[in-house]
């Protein structure tokens, strides 16, 4: 190691000693270390923290957005199911009175389902199955990620389905 040369002591000091606090006098000289921060491991902890923090933020983003998508799927399914129930209550009254059985009217079904889906802020398609005794509602929407929207993906597609079966009976359900 390189050492700085010591300066000669000032004459006239009692005991021939240097005053305390004067650099290079009264205490041993510190070794000269060259440029500041020339240690080979300087900054490695900062890099490690940056990499780990990025990983943690990514994991939190995935968890939050996956949870948001699950909530959106549940909400879409629930709205589709409720719209199917609302549409299933639109009976063909004339057919019931004439003894033709329990069936729904397609135009009333479509209007009732659309009205219910509008309250949810969704749109969907409505169809009849099983000879008009089952109402099927399908809703397509997208979920926009909250934290992982840094990559433009156009959102995640979500499809919700719901159906309602028309039943009647005094003591137990009967079809048709």
C-alpha atoms as a PDB file:
ATOM      1  CA  UNK A   1       0.000   0.000   0.000  1.00  0.00           C
ATOM      2  CA  UNK A   2       1.078   3.528  -0.635  1.00  0.00           C
ATOM      3  CA  UNK A   3       1.524   5.889   2.265  1.00  0.00           C
ATOM      4  CA  UNK A   4       1.610   9.600   2.251  1.00  0.00           C
ATOM      5  CA  UNK A   5       4.858  11.073   3.478  1.00  0.00           C
ATOM      6  CA  UNK A   6       4.647  12.546   6.948  1.00  0.00           C
ATOM      7  CA  UNK A   7       5.077  16.280   7.340  1.00  0.00           C
ATOM      8  CA  UNK A   8       7.710  17.590   9.689  1.00  0.00           C
ATOM      9  CA  UNK A   9       6.432  18.619  13.084  1.00  0.00           C
ATOM     10  CA  UNK A  10       6.061  22.260  13.939  1.00  0.00           C
ATOM     11  CA  UNK A  11       8.588  23.500  16.398  1.00  0.00           C
ATOM     12  CA  UNK A  12       7.410  25.116  19.582  1.00  0.00           C
ATOM     13  CA  UNK A  13       4.873  22.591  20.661  1.00  0.00           C
ATOM     14  CA  UNK A  14       5.136  21.486  24.237  1.00  0.00           C
ATOM     15  CA  UNK A  15       6.699  18.068  24.526  1.00  0.00           C
ATOM     16  CA  UNK A  16       7.463  18.124  20.828  1.00  0.00           C
ATOM     17  CA  UNK A  17       4.087  16.524  20.057  1.00  0.00           C
ATOM     18  CA  UNK A  18       1.648  17.527  17.374  1.00  0.00           C
ATOM     19  CA  UNK A  19      -1.727  18.960  18.278  1.00  0.00           C
ATOM     20  CA  UNK A  20      -4.689  16.610  18.260  1.00  0.00           C
ATOM     21  CA  UNK A  21      -6.969  16.804  15.230  1.00  0.00           C
ATOM     22  CA  UNK A  22      -4.318  17.848  12.764  1.00  0.00           C
ATOM     23  CA  UNK A  23      -4.101  15.365   9.936  1.00  0.00           C
ATOM     24  CA  UNK A  24      -0.940  13.381   9.902  1.00  0.00           C
ATOM     25  CA  UNK A  25       0.127  14.633  13.332  1.00  0.00           C
ATOM     26  CA  UNK A  26      -0.451  12.911  16.611  1.00  0.00           C
ATOM     27  CA  UNK A  27      -1.977   9.825  15.054  1.00  0.00           C
ATOM     28  CA  UNK A  28      -0.771   7.345  12.528  1.00  0.00           C
ATOM     29  CA  UNK A  29      -1.361   8.127   8.896  1.00  0.00           C
ATOM     30  CA  UNK A  30      -4.257   6.319   7.252  1.00  0.00           C
ATOM     31  CA  UNK A  31      -3.437   4.219   4.270  1.00  0.00           C
ATOM     32  CA  UNK A  32      -4.348   5.769   0.947  1.00  0.00           C
ATOM     33  CA  UNK A  33      -7.027   3.708  -0.782  1.00  0.00           C
ATOM     34  CA  UNK A  34      -7.005   5.132  -4.249  1.00  0.00           C
ATOM     35  CA  UNK A  35     -10.286   6.092  -5.929  1.00  0.00           C
ATOM     36  CA  UNK A  36     -13.369   5.987  -3.796  1.00  0.00           C
ATOM     37  CA  UNK A  37     -15.702   3.010  -4.440  1.00  0.00           C
ATOM     38  CA  UNK A  38     -13.130   0.880  -6.182  1.00  0.00           C
ATOM     39  CA  UNK A  39     -14.177  -2.226  -4.266  1.00  0.00           C
ATOM     40  CA  UNK A  40     -15.187  -5.031  -6.644  1.00  0.00           C
ATOM     41  CA  UNK A  41     -18.435  -5.858  -4.784  1.00  0.00           C
ATOM     42  CA  UNK A  42     -19.739  -2.286  -4.581  1.00  0.00           C
ATOM     43  CA  UNK A  43     -23.379  -2.030  -5.713  1.00  0.00           C
ATOM     44  CA  UNK A  44     -24.158  -5.750  -5.797  1.00  0.00           C
ATOM     45  CA  UNK A  45     -26.740  -5.494  -3.033  1.00  0.00           C
ATOM     46  CA  UNK A  46     -28.515  -2.717  -4.951  1.00  0.00           C
ATOM     47  CA  UNK A  47     -28.703  -4.863  -8.073  1.00  0.00           C
ATOM     48  CA  UNK A  48     -29.995  -7.830  -6.072  1.00  0.00           C
ATOM     49  CA  UNK A  49     -32.701  -5.704  -4.422  1.00  0.00           C
ATOM     50  CA  UNK A  50     -33.775  -4.291  -7.800  1.00  0.00           C
ATOM     51  CA  UNK A  51     -34.106  -7.775  -9.331  1.00  0.00           C
ATOM     52  CA  UNK A  52     -35.981  -9.199  -6.328  1.00  0.00           C
ATOM     53  CA  UNK A  53     -38.287  -6.160  -6.108  1.00  0.00           C
ATOM     54  CA  UNK A  54     -39.138  -6.491  -9.798  1.00  0.00           C
ATOM     55  CA  UNK A  55     -39.981 -10.148  -9.234  1.00  0.00           C
ATOM     56  CA  UNK A  56     -42.178  -9.349  -6.246  1.00  0.00           C
ATOM     57  CA  UNK A  57     -44.068  -6.644  -8.135  1.00  0.00           C
ATOM     58  CA  UNK A  58     -44.630  -9.060 -11.032  1.00  0.00           C
ATOM     59  CA  UNK A  59     -45.952 -11.768  -8.712  1.00  0.00           C
ATOM     60  CA  UNK A  60     -48.264  -9.305  -6.980  1.00  0.00           C
ATOM     61  CA  UNK A  61     -49.527  -8.125 -10.383  1.00  0.00           C
ATOM     62  CA  UNK A  62     -50.291 -11.687 -11.475  1.00  0.00           C
ATOM     63  CA  UNK A  63     -52.138 -12.441  -8.219  1.00  0.00           C
ATOM     64  CA  UNK A  64     -54.184  -9.230  -8.308  1.00  0.00           C
ATOM     65  CA  UNK A  65     -55.103  -9.571 -11.988  1.00  0.00           C
ATOM     66  CA  UNK A  66     -55.909 -13.285 -11.719  1.00  0.00           C
ATOM     67  CA  UNK A  67     -58.197 -12.495  -8.785  1.00  0.00           C
ATOM     68  CA  UNK A  68     -59.836  -9.701 -10.763  1.00  0.00           C
ATOM     69  CA  UNK A  69     -60.391 -12.032 -13.700  1.00  0.00           C
ATOM     70  CA  UNK A  70     -61.982 -14.656 -11.427  1.00  0.00           C
ATOM     71  CA  UNK A  71     -64.325 -12.014 -10.017  1.00  0.00           C
ATOM     72  CA  UNK A  72     -65.237 -10.930 -13.561  1.00  0.00           C
ATOM     73  CA  UNK A  73     -65.933 -14.552 -14.583  1.00  0.00           C
ATOM     74  CA  UNK A  74     -68.161 -15.076 -11.525  1.00  0.00           C
ATOM     75  CA  UNK A  75     -70.007 -11.818 -12.182  1.00  0.00           C
ATOM     76  CA  UNK A  76     -70.522 -12.658 -15.863  1.00  0.00           C
ATOM     77  CA  UNK A  77     -71.825 -16.147 -15.053  1.00  0.00           C
ATOM     78  CA  UNK A  78     -74.130 -14.763 -12.358  1.00  0.00           C
ATOM     79  CA  UNK A  79     -75.574 -12.114 -14.700  1.00  0.00           C
ATOM     80  CA  UNK A  80     -76.112 -14.705 -17.447  1.00  0.00           C
ATOM     81  CA  UNK A  81     -77.865 -17.054 -15.010  1.00  0.00           C
ATOM     82  CA  UNK A  82     -80.068 -14.282 -13.628  1.00  0.00           C
ATOM     83  CA  UNK A  83     -80.941 -13.081 -17.137  1.00  0.00           C
ATOM     84  CA  UNK A  84     -81.953 -16.642 -18.058  1.00  0.00           C
ATOM     85  CA  UNK A  85     -84.213 -16.815 -14.997  1.00  0.00           C
ATOM     86  CA  UNK A  86     -85.796 -13.463 -15.833  1.00  0.00           C
ATOM     87  CA  UNK A  87     -86.313 -14.553 -19.441  1.00  0.00           C
ATOM     88  CA  UNK A  88     -87.727 -17.914 -18.349  1.00  0.00           C
ATOM     89  CA  UNK A  89     -90.615 -16.171 -16.647  1.00  0.00           C
ATOM     90  CA  UNK A  90     -91.953 -14.887 -19.979  1.00  0.00           C
ATOM     91  CA  UNK A  91     -94.543 -17.612 -20.537  1.00  0.00           C
ATOM     92  CA  UNK A  92     -96.735 -18.005 -23.578  1.00  0.00           C
ATOM     93  CA  UNK A  93     -99.958 -17.386 -21.659  1.00  0.00           C
ATOM     94  CA  UNK A  94    -102.220 -18.229 -24.592  1.00  0.00           C
ATOM     95  CA  UNK A  95    -100.506 -21.606 -24.981  1.00  0.00           C
ATOM     96  CA  UNK A  96    -100.886 -22.345 -21.284  1.00  0.00           C
ATOM     97  CA  UNK A  97    -104.597 -21.447 -21.327  1.00  0.00           C
ATOM     98  CA  UNK A  98    -105.200 -23.603 -24.417  1.00  0.00           C
ATOM     99  CA  UNK A  99    -103.474 -26.569 -22.794  1.00  0.00           C
ATOM    100  CA  UNK A 100    -100.391 -26.582 -25.045  1.00  0.00           C
ATOM    101  CA  UNK A 101     -98.014 -26.800 -22.052  1.00  0.00           C
ATOM    102  CA  UNK A 102     -95.519 -24.422 -20.573  1.00  0.00           C
ATOM    103  CA  UNK A 103     -93.474 -22.645 -23.201  1.00  0.00           C
ATOM    104  CA  UNK A 104     -92.030 -19.182 -23.501  1.00  0.00           C
ATOM    105  CA  UNK A 105     -92.441 -16.573 -26.221  1.00  0.00           C
ATOM    106  CA  UNK A 106     -89.183 -15.917 -28.084  1.00  0.00           C
ATOM    107  CA  UNK A 107     -89.711 -12.157 -28.499  1.00  0.00           C
ATOM    108  CA  UNK A 108     -90.531 -11.648 -24.801  1.00  0.00           C
ATOM    109  CA  UNK A 109     -87.614 -13.835 -23.777  1.00  0.00           C
ATOM    110  CA  UNK A 110     -85.148 -11.783 -25.829  1.00  0.00           C
ATOM    111  CA  UNK A 111     -86.436  -8.470 -24.456  1.00  0.00           C
ATOM    112  CA  UNK A 112     -86.419  -9.652 -20.829  1.00  0.00           C
ATOM    113  CA  UNK A 113     -82.888 -11.073 -21.058  1.00  0.00           C
ATOM    114  CA  UNK A 114     -81.540  -7.966 -22.816  1.00  0.00           C
ATOM    115  CA  UNK A 115     -83.152  -5.697 -20.215  1.00  0.00           C
ATOM    116  CA  UNK A 116     -81.572  -7.654 -17.377  1.00  0.00           C
ATOM    117  CA  UNK A 117     -78.152  -7.774 -19.036  1.00  0.00           C
ATOM    118  CA  UNK A 118     -78.283  -3.994 -19.558  1.00  0.00           C
ATOM    119  CA  UNK A 119     -78.582  -3.548 -15.778  1.00  0.00           C
ATOM    120  CA  UNK A 120     -75.329  -5.528 -15.477  1.00  0.00           C
ATOM    121  CA  UNK A 121     -73.690  -3.480 -18.236  1.00  0.00           C
ATOM    122  CA  UNK A 122     -73.382  -6.519 -20.524  1.00  0.00           C
ATOM    123  CA  UNK A 123     -74.792  -7.780 -23.802  1.00  0.00           C
ATOM    124  CA  UNK A 124     -75.405 -11.338 -24.851  1.00  0.00           C
ATOM    125  CA  UNK A 125     -77.322 -13.813 -26.937  1.00  0.00           C
ATOM    126  CA  UNK A 126     -80.452 -15.680 -25.905  1.00  0.00           C
ATOM    127  CA  UNK A 127     -81.679 -18.963 -27.266  1.00  0.00           C
ATOM    128  CA  UNK A 128     -84.247 -21.646 -26.545  1.00  0.00           C
ATOM    129  CA  UNK A 129     -83.511 -25.345 -26.203  1.00  0.00           C
ATOM    130  CA  UNK A 130     -85.411 -28.544 -25.438  1.00  0.00           C
ATOM    131  CA  UNK A 131     -88.445 -27.542 -27.456  1.00  0.00           C
ATOM    132  CA  UNK A 132     -88.750 -24.100 -25.891  1.00  0.00           C
ATOM    133  CA  UNK A 133     -88.629 -25.286 -22.264  1.00  0.00           C
ATOM    134  CA  UNK A 134     -85.046 -24.180 -21.556  1.00  0.00           C
ATOM    135  CA  UNK A 135     -83.724 -20.630 -21.913  1.00  0.00           C
ATOM    136  CA  UNK A 136     -79.977 -20.356 -22.573  1.00  0.00           C
ATOM    137  CA  UNK A 137     -78.121 -17.027 -22.210  1.00  0.00           C
ATOM    138  CA  UNK A 138     -74.500 -16.548 -23.349  1.00  0.00           C
ATOM    139  CA  UNK A 139     -72.542 -13.403 -22.476  1.00  0.00           C
ATOM    140  CA  UNK A 140     -69.132 -12.469 -23.939  1.00  0.00           C
ATOM    141  CA  UNK A 141     -67.061  -9.694 -22.399  1.00  0.00           C
ATOM    142  CA  UNK A 142     -63.424  -8.800 -21.699  1.00  0.00           C
ATOM    143  CA  UNK A 143     -61.480  -8.170 -18.506  1.00  0.00           C
ATOM    144  CA  UNK A 144     -58.868  -5.429 -18.595  1.00  0.00           C
ATOM    145  CA  UNK A 145     -55.975  -6.226 -16.240  1.00  0.00           C
ATOM    146  CA  UNK A 146     -55.356  -3.697 -13.485  1.00  0.00           C
ATOM    147  CA  UNK A 147     -51.607  -4.125 -12.923  1.00  0.00           C
ATOM    148  CA  UNK A 148     -50.392  -6.141 -15.884  1.00  0.00           C
ATOM    149  CA  UNK A 149     -51.720  -3.701 -18.466  1.00  0.00           C
ATOM    150  CA  UNK A 150     -48.172  -2.616 -19.328  1.00  0.00           C
ATOM    151  CA  UNK A 151     -48.305  -5.084 -22.215  1.00  0.00           C
ATOM    152  CA  UNK A 152     -51.229  -4.107 -24.472  1.00  0.00           C
ATOM    153  CA  UNK A 153     -53.168  -7.329 -24.911  1.00  0.00           C
ATOM    154  CA  UNK A 154     -56.704  -6.137 -25.581  1.00  0.00           C
ATOM    155  CA  UNK A 155     -57.933  -7.724 -22.352  1.00  0.00           C
ATOM    156  CA  UNK A 156     -58.824 -11.262 -21.430  1.00  0.00           C
ATOM    157  CA  UNK A 157     -61.941 -12.752 -23.019  1.00  0.00           C
ATOM    158  CA  UNK A 158     -64.642 -13.990 -20.656  1.00  0.00           C
ATOM    159  CA  UNK A 159     -67.710 -16.036 -21.564  1.00  0.00           C
ATOM    160  CA  UNK A 160     -70.588 -16.470 -19.136  1.00  0.00           C
ATOM    161  CA  UNK A 161     -73.398 -18.958 -19.598  1.00  0.00           C
ATOM    162  CA  UNK A 162     -76.680 -19.424 -17.809  1.00  0.00           C
ATOM    163  CA  UNK A 163     -79.782 -21.485 -18.376  1.00  0.00           C
ATOM    164  CA  UNK A 164     -83.219 -21.802 -16.851  1.00  0.00           C
ATOM    165  CA  UNK A 165     -85.518 -24.798 -17.213  1.00  0.00           C
ATOM    166  CA  UNK A 166     -89.258 -24.262 -17.221  1.00  0.00           C
ATOM    167  CA  UNK A 167     -90.900 -26.590 -14.710  1.00  0.00           C
ATOM    168  CA  UNK A 168     -94.366 -26.846 -13.236  1.00  0.00           C
ATOM    169  CA  UNK A 169     -96.123 -29.098 -10.797  1.00  0.00           C
ATOM    170  CA  UNK A 170     -98.040 -29.065  -7.575  1.00  0.00           C
ATOM    171  CA  UNK A 171     -95.853 -31.328  -5.404  1.00  0.00           C
ATOM    172  CA  UNK A 172     -92.747 -31.826  -7.540  1.00  0.00           C
ATOM    173  CA  UNK A 173     -91.341 -30.357 -10.729  1.00  0.00           C
ATOM    174  CA  UNK A 174     -92.560 -31.717 -14.019  1.00  0.00           C
ATOM    175  CA  UNK A 175     -91.178 -30.879 -17.440  1.00  0.00           C
ATOM    176  CA  UNK A 176     -93.334 -29.789 -20.322  1.00  0.00           C
END
